[in-house]
Protein backbone atom coordinates (compact mmCIF):
# COMPACT_ATOMS: atom_id res chain seq x y z
CA MET A 1 167.98 -131.83 -89.97
CA THR A 2 169.33 -135.31 -90.46
CA VAL A 3 173.10 -135.58 -90.55
CA VAL A 4 174.82 -138.27 -92.58
CA PRO A 5 176.87 -140.20 -90.02
CA PRO A 6 180.55 -139.92 -90.99
CA THR A 7 181.44 -143.50 -90.04
CA ALA A 8 178.23 -145.46 -90.66
CA GLY A 9 177.89 -148.31 -93.08
CA GLU A 10 176.77 -147.98 -96.68
CA LYS A 11 173.03 -148.46 -96.29
CA PRO A 12 172.58 -146.23 -93.21
CA SER A 13 174.65 -143.51 -94.89
CA LEU A 14 172.60 -143.64 -98.08
CA VAL A 15 169.33 -143.62 -96.14
CA ALA A 16 170.46 -140.63 -94.05
CA SER A 17 171.51 -138.74 -97.17
CA LEU A 18 168.13 -139.34 -98.81
CA GLN A 19 166.33 -138.29 -95.63
CA ARG A 20 168.38 -135.08 -95.40
CA HIS A 21 167.34 -134.08 -98.92
CA ARG A 22 163.71 -135.01 -98.25
CA GLU A 23 163.75 -132.71 -95.22
CA ALA A 24 165.09 -129.88 -97.39
CA VAL A 25 162.25 -130.47 -99.85
CA LEU A 26 159.65 -130.24 -97.10
CA TRP A 27 161.25 -127.13 -95.60
CA LYS A 28 160.97 -125.41 -98.98
CA LEU A 29 157.17 -125.79 -98.74
CA ALA A 30 156.82 -124.67 -95.13
CA ASP A 31 154.64 -121.66 -94.39
CA LEU A 32 153.38 -121.21 -97.95
CA ASP A 33 149.71 -121.09 -98.88
CA ASP A 34 147.97 -123.08 -101.59
CA GLU A 35 148.27 -120.28 -104.17
CA GLN A 36 152.02 -119.95 -103.60
CA LEU A 37 152.56 -123.71 -103.81
CA ARG A 38 150.60 -123.91 -107.11
CA ARG A 39 151.97 -120.73 -108.70
CA HIS A 40 153.67 -121.26 -112.07
CA LEU A 41 157.08 -119.76 -111.49
CA THR A 42 158.89 -120.62 -114.72
CA GLY A 43 158.11 -120.62 -118.41
CA SER A 44 157.67 -124.39 -118.29
CA GLY A 45 154.97 -124.06 -115.64
CA THR A 46 157.00 -125.57 -112.82
CA THR A 47 155.41 -125.27 -109.39
CA LEU A 48 156.60 -126.10 -105.90
CA LEU A 49 153.73 -128.55 -105.39
CA GLY A 50 154.17 -130.18 -108.79
CA THR A 51 157.83 -130.81 -108.05
CA VAL A 52 156.85 -132.64 -104.87
CA LYS A 53 154.26 -134.70 -106.76
CA GLN A 54 157.00 -135.71 -109.20
CA LEU A 55 159.28 -136.77 -106.33
CA ALA A 56 156.51 -138.86 -104.79
CA SER A 57 155.88 -140.72 -108.02
CA ALA A 58 159.62 -141.28 -108.44
CA GLU A 59 160.00 -142.77 -104.96
CA TYR A 60 157.10 -145.12 -105.62
CA THR A 61 158.70 -146.09 -108.94
CA TRP A 62 162.25 -146.70 -107.73
CA PHE A 63 161.51 -148.38 -104.41
CA CYS A 64 158.12 -150.01 -104.87
CA ALA A 65 157.31 -150.75 -108.52
CA THR A 66 160.93 -151.73 -109.18
CA PHE A 67 160.95 -154.27 -106.35
CA GLY A 68 157.47 -155.72 -106.96
CA ARG A 69 155.80 -153.86 -104.12
CA PRO A 70 152.47 -151.99 -104.16
CA SER A 71 152.92 -148.61 -105.80
CA GLU A 72 151.00 -145.44 -106.57
CA HIS A 73 153.52 -144.23 -109.16
CA ILE A 74 152.23 -142.43 -112.21
CA PRO A 75 152.38 -145.03 -114.99
CA ALA A 76 154.24 -144.43 -118.25
CA GLU A 77 150.94 -144.53 -120.18
CA ALA A 78 149.89 -141.27 -118.49
CA PHE A 79 152.76 -139.46 -120.21
CA ALA A 80 151.39 -140.29 -123.68
CA GLU A 81 148.47 -137.98 -122.96
CA ASP A 82 150.37 -135.48 -120.81
CA PRO A 83 154.19 -135.27 -120.85
CA GLN A 84 153.96 -133.36 -117.54
CA ALA A 85 151.68 -135.93 -115.86
CA ASP A 86 153.97 -136.49 -112.91
CA ARG A 87 154.28 -132.80 -112.05
CA ARG A 88 151.00 -131.26 -113.19
CA ILE A 89 148.70 -130.20 -110.38
CA HIS A 90 145.09 -130.42 -111.47
CA PRO A 91 142.41 -128.17 -109.94
CA TRP A 92 140.90 -131.15 -108.10
CA GLU A 93 144.23 -132.09 -106.48
CA GLY A 94 144.46 -130.39 -103.12
CA THR A 95 147.69 -129.39 -101.46
CA ASP A 96 146.97 -131.69 -98.52
CA GLY A 97 146.39 -134.58 -100.92
CA VAL A 98 149.67 -134.05 -102.78
CA LEU A 99 151.59 -133.75 -99.52
CA ALA A 100 149.89 -136.92 -98.24
CA TYR A 101 150.89 -138.66 -101.50
CA TYR A 102 154.52 -137.67 -100.87
CA ALA A 103 154.28 -138.87 -97.25
CA ARG A 104 152.87 -142.24 -98.38
CA ALA A 105 155.59 -142.56 -101.02
CA ARG A 106 158.33 -141.87 -98.47
CA ALA A 107 156.83 -144.34 -96.01
CA ALA A 108 156.50 -147.05 -98.66
CA ALA A 109 160.07 -146.40 -99.85
CA ASP A 110 161.39 -146.51 -96.28
CA GLU A 111 159.65 -149.83 -95.68
CA ALA A 112 161.16 -151.29 -98.85
CA VAL A 113 164.63 -150.06 -97.93
CA ARG A 114 164.35 -151.53 -94.42
CA GLU A 115 163.23 -154.91 -95.74
CA LEU A 116 165.54 -155.27 -98.75
CA LYS A 117 169.26 -155.96 -98.84
CA ILE A 118 171.46 -153.34 -100.50
CA ALA A 119 172.37 -155.73 -103.33
CA GLU A 120 168.76 -156.89 -103.88
CA ARG A 121 167.79 -156.69 -107.54
CA GLY A 122 164.61 -155.33 -109.01
CA THR A 123 163.35 -154.42 -112.45
CA THR A 124 162.29 -150.86 -113.27
CA PRO A 125 159.08 -150.26 -115.22
CA ASP A 126 161.18 -149.83 -118.39
CA GLY A 127 162.81 -153.26 -117.87
CA THR A 128 166.19 -152.22 -116.47
CA VAL A 129 167.56 -154.46 -113.73
CA VAL A 130 168.93 -152.42 -110.81
CA THR A 131 170.01 -152.97 -107.21
CA LEU A 132 168.59 -151.28 -104.15
CA ARG A 133 171.97 -149.52 -103.93
CA TRP A 134 171.38 -148.02 -107.38
CA ALA A 135 167.80 -147.03 -106.46
CA LEU A 136 169.04 -145.27 -103.32
CA LEU A 137 171.77 -143.43 -105.21
CA HIS A 138 169.33 -142.46 -107.95
CA ALA A 139 166.74 -141.25 -105.42
CA ILE A 140 169.39 -139.18 -103.63
CA GLU A 141 170.44 -137.61 -106.95
CA GLU A 142 166.84 -136.87 -107.94
CA THR A 143 165.82 -135.53 -104.56
CA ALA A 144 168.90 -133.32 -104.29
CA ARG A 145 168.35 -131.99 -107.82
CA HIS A 146 164.70 -131.26 -107.08
CA ALA A 147 165.56 -129.68 -103.72
CA GLY A 148 167.85 -127.29 -105.60
CA ARG A 149 165.05 -126.47 -108.01
CA LEU A 150 162.72 -125.91 -105.06
CA ASP A 151 165.29 -123.60 -103.50
CA VAL A 152 165.17 -121.36 -106.57
CA LEU A 153 161.37 -121.53 -106.76
CA ARG A 154 161.02 -120.67 -103.09
CA GLU A 155 163.35 -117.71 -103.53
CA LEU A 156 161.10 -116.48 -106.34
CA VAL A 157 158.06 -116.69 -104.03
CA ASP A 158 159.37 -114.97 -100.90
CA GLY A 159 163.15 -114.74 -100.95
CA ARG A 160 163.81 -117.72 -98.60
CA THR A 161 167.02 -119.57 -99.48
CA GLY A 162 169.08 -122.38 -97.99
CA ASP A 163 168.61 -126.09 -97.47
CA HIS A 164 167.50 -125.99 -93.84
CA PRO A 165 166.12 -123.59 -91.29
CA PRO A 166 168.68 -121.25 -89.76
CA ALA A 167 170.01 -122.27 -86.34
CA GLY A 168 168.48 -120.57 -83.33
């Protein structure tokens, strides 16, 4: 599990924090089958896999679309037809495909973060001007919040809790 270096600079610390939460997200999915990942576990229909799809779209939005880079984010227009568009898992969407989408989103975000300066400005799809610093902080907040949600969902599936595998 990635550790946030206690004396690193701003950008490396933010990147390490984001990576630590991403690792927790992926650990929450480990060793589950397709049915468990797609199971509706709350009244709102939240699923483990749908939560990961939402995170992938968010990373594409904040790091790619915002900074004028190629993006596979789910566009705002999709929400007019389906308010859950970013987290709904359709029958034709396979687990491997959603996990690959998240991997591509993380890779694209990482590339943007490596190439951009922390104070670089971009414009979100809704027209808000933000810095890379803001995008990193926002992604950390979102990923940590979703990792917590995944922790509860995973506990409902098989009782596993925690944010990382136990030592040993």
